[in-house]
Structures are given as C-alpha cells and as structure tokens.
C-alpha atoms as a PDB file:
ATOM      1  CA  MET A   1       0.415  61.166 160.187  1.00  0.00           C
ATOM      2  CA  LYS A   2      -2.034  64.096 162.785  1.00  0.00           C
ATOM      3  CA  LEU A   3       0.085  67.693 162.382  1.00  0.00           C
ATOM      4  CA  THR A   4      -0.987  68.771 166.497  1.00  0.00           C
ATOM      5  CA  ILE A   5      -0.223  72.557 166.746  1.00  0.00           C
ATOM      6  CA  ASP A   6       1.389  74.244 169.698  1.00  0.00           C
ATOM      7  CA  THR A   7      -0.653  76.538 171.067  1.00  0.00           C
ATOM      8  CA  GLU A   8       1.468  77.570 173.281  1.00  0.00           C
ATOM      9  CA  PHE A   9       4.752  78.123 171.313  1.00  0.00           C
ATOM     10  CA  LEU A  10       2.872  79.943 168.695  1.00  0.00           C
ATOM     11  CA  ILE A  11       1.849  82.583 171.027  1.00  0.00           C
ATOM     12  CA  ASN A  12       4.807  83.367 172.997  1.00  0.00           C
ATOM     13  CA  GLU A  13       6.316  83.293 168.715  1.00  0.00           C
ATOM     14  CA  VAL A  14       4.185  85.757 168.236  1.00  0.00           C
ATOM     15  CA  GLU A  15       4.491  87.399 171.265  1.00  0.00           C
ATOM     16  CA  ASN A  16       8.012  88.036 170.868  1.00  0.00           C
ATOM     17  CA  LYS A  17       7.768  89.373 167.728  1.00  0.00           C
ATOM     18  CA  SER A  18       6.264  92.358 168.723  1.00  0.00           C
ATOM     19  CA  THR A  19       7.763  93.320 171.787  1.00  0.00           C
ATOM     20  CA  LYS A  20      11.076  93.723 169.794  1.00  0.00           C
ATOM     21  CA  LEU A  21      12.367  96.939 167.928  1.00  0.00           C
ATOM     22  CA  SER A  22      14.271  97.231 166.322  1.00  0.00           C
ATOM     23  CA  SER A  23      18.012  99.955 166.235  1.00  0.00           C
ATOM     24  CA  TYR A  24      15.163 102.080 164.679  1.00  0.00           C
ATOM     25  CA  GLN A  25      13.119 101.709 166.825  1.00  0.00           C
ATOM     26  CA  LYS A  26      15.036 101.729 169.912  1.00  0.00           C
ATOM     27  CA  MET A  27      16.257 104.908 169.411  1.00  0.00           C
ATOM     28  CA  LEU A  28      13.322 107.059 168.278  1.00  0.00           C
ATOM     29  CA  LYS A  29      12.163 105.913 172.379  1.00  0.00           C
ATOM     30  CA  ARG A  30      15.254 106.934 173.913  1.00  0.00           C
ATOM     31  CA  ILE A  31      15.189 110.498 171.822  1.00  0.00           C
ATOM     32  CA  ARG A  32      11.554 110.517 172.681  1.00  0.00           C
ATOM     33  CA  GLY A  33      12.034 110.007 175.812  1.00  0.00           C
ATOM     34  CA  ASN A  34      14.182 113.692 175.849  1.00  0.00           C
ATOM     35  CA  TYR A  35      12.085 115.555 172.551  1.00  0.00           C
ATOM     36  CA  PRO A  36       8.882 114.698 171.838  1.00  0.00           C
ATOM     37  CA  LYS A  37       7.746 115.884 169.220  1.00  0.00           C
ATOM     38  CA  ALA A  38      11.270 114.653 167.488  1.00  0.00           C
ATOM     39  CA  TYR A  39      10.739 113.424 163.586  1.00  0.00           C
ATOM     40  CA  PHE A  40       7.376 114.226 163.184  1.00  0.00           C
ATOM     41  CA  PRO A  41       6.419 116.076 160.595  1.00  0.00           C
ATOM     42  CA  TRP A  42       6.138 120.177 161.497  1.00  0.00           C
ATOM     43  CA  THR A  43       2.400 121.894 161.093  1.00  0.00           C
ATOM     44  CA  GLN A  44       2.057 125.155 159.805  1.00  0.00           C
ATOM     45  CA  GLU A  45       0.892 126.191 163.962  1.00  0.00           C
ATOM     46  CA  ASP A  46       4.713 124.654 165.221  1.00  0.00           C
ATOM     47  CA  ASP A  47       5.909 127.045 162.028  1.00  0.00           C
ATOM     48  CA  LEU A  48       4.368 130.292 163.277  1.00  0.00           C
ATOM     49  CA  LEU A  49       5.521 129.543 166.736  1.00  0.00           C
ATOM     50  CA  LEU A  50       9.023 129.116 165.135  1.00  0.00           C
ATOM     51  CA  LYS A  51       8.811 132.232 163.543  1.00  0.00           C
ATOM     52  CA  SER A  52       7.551 134.121 166.924  1.00  0.00           C
ATOM     53  CA  LYS A  53      10.244 132.589 169.067  1.00  0.00           C
ATOM     54  CA  VAL A  54      13.350 133.688 166.414  1.00  0.00           C
ATOM     55  CA  LYS A  55      11.971 136.549 166.221  1.00  0.00           C
ATOM     56  CA  MET A  56      11.706 137.273 170.139  1.00  0.00           C
ATOM     57  CA  GLY A  57      15.692 136.549 169.855  1.00  0.00           C
ATOM     58  CA  LEU A  58      15.532 133.260 171.823  1.00  0.00           C
ATOM     59  CA  LYS A  59      18.319 130.393 171.956  1.00  0.00           C
ATOM     60  CA  THR A  60      17.893 127.308 170.210  1.00  0.00           C
ATOM     61  CA  SER A  61      18.085 124.600 173.446  1.00  0.00           C
ATOM     62  CA  LEU A  62      15.284 126.885 174.455  1.00  0.00           C
ATOM     63  CA  ILE A  63      13.200 127.029 171.004  1.00  0.00           C
ATOM     64  CA  ALA A  64      13.621 122.863 171.162  1.00  0.00           C
ATOM     65  CA  GLU A  65      12.651 122.923 174.739  1.00  0.00           C
ATOM     66  CA  ILE A  66       9.799 124.148 173.643  1.00  0.00           C
ATOM     67  CA  HIS A  67       8.962 123.008 170.257  1.00  0.00           C
ATOM     68  CA  GLY A  68       9.878 119.186 171.986  1.00  0.00           C
ATOM     69  CA  ARG A  69      12.386 118.119 169.566  1.00  0.00           C
ATOM     70  CA  THR A  70      15.994 118.475 169.210  1.00  0.00           C
ATOM     71  CA  PRO A  71      18.981 121.602 168.593  1.00  0.00           C
ATOM     72  CA  SER A  72      18.972 120.417 165.617  1.00  0.00           C
ATOM     73  CA  ALA A  73      16.204 120.273 164.446  1.00  0.00           C
ATOM     74  CA  ILE A  74      15.282 123.261 165.207  1.00  0.00           C
ATOM     75  CA  ASN A  75      18.622 124.851 163.132  1.00  0.00           C
ATOM     76  CA  SER A  76      17.234 123.076 160.592  1.00  0.00           C
ATOM     77  CA  ARG A  77      14.210 124.286 159.925  1.00  0.00           C
ATOM     78  CA  ILE A  78      15.173 128.066 160.595  1.00  0.00           C
ATOM     79  CA  LYS A  79      17.266 127.372 158.231  1.00  0.00           C
ATOM     80  CA  LYS A  80      14.986 125.753 155.321  1.00  0.00           C
ATOM     81  CA  GLN A  81      11.840 128.419 156.551  1.00  0.00           C
ATOM     82  CA  ARG A  82      14.311 131.321 155.230  1.00  0.00           C
ATOM     83  CA  LEU A  83      14.372 132.463 159.268  1.00  0.00           C
ATOM     84  CA  LYS A  84      16.289 135.487 160.273  1.00  0.00           C
ATOM     85  CA  ARG A  85      17.856 135.941 163.716  1.00  0.00           C
ATOM     86  CA  LYS A  86      17.675 138.893 165.573  1.00  0.00           C
ATOM     87  CA  LYS A  87      20.805 140.009 166.720  1.00  0.00           C
ATOM     88  CA  PHE A  88      21.250 141.924 170.031  1.00  0.00           C
END
C-alpha cells in the first residue's frame, strides 16, 4: 500500500493553526489597540516617569495615556510603589 500526502491540505492546516488566536491573545490584541504597553513588564524608566507624573498631580487617565497602559495598571503600580498623590 502506497501512502500519499496531500501537500496542499497540510499547508492549509499549518496556516490555519498559526492564524488562530486564543481568547487570551484576542483580549491582548484588543486591549493593546488602546494601551500598547498593557501587560508588558514595568522598567525602571517607566517607574521613574510614573513617579514624576504622580508628583506633578496628573490624573490617572492622563498618566495611563502617557504610559500606554490601562488606568487600573497605573493605579496598581502607584499602590505597589507606595507613591503619594499630590493633594490640591
């Protein structure tokens, strides 16, 4: 018995599997459309910039826009870094 390989079928299967996104990947893609640095690790430079913006008294939404991260990520990092917000 001779086995034949349907090359076109195999190529299509590989292409389909490589283009299918998991639900997590779809979520990341959607969120990163608005917040490009969402779910990326924070760098020292990011922390220094955050600290300076918090000291300036900028709103969370503006800091989020500057950092390319979600407002909740900004609030979480402020809390983790124990930064004090400027009071007016």
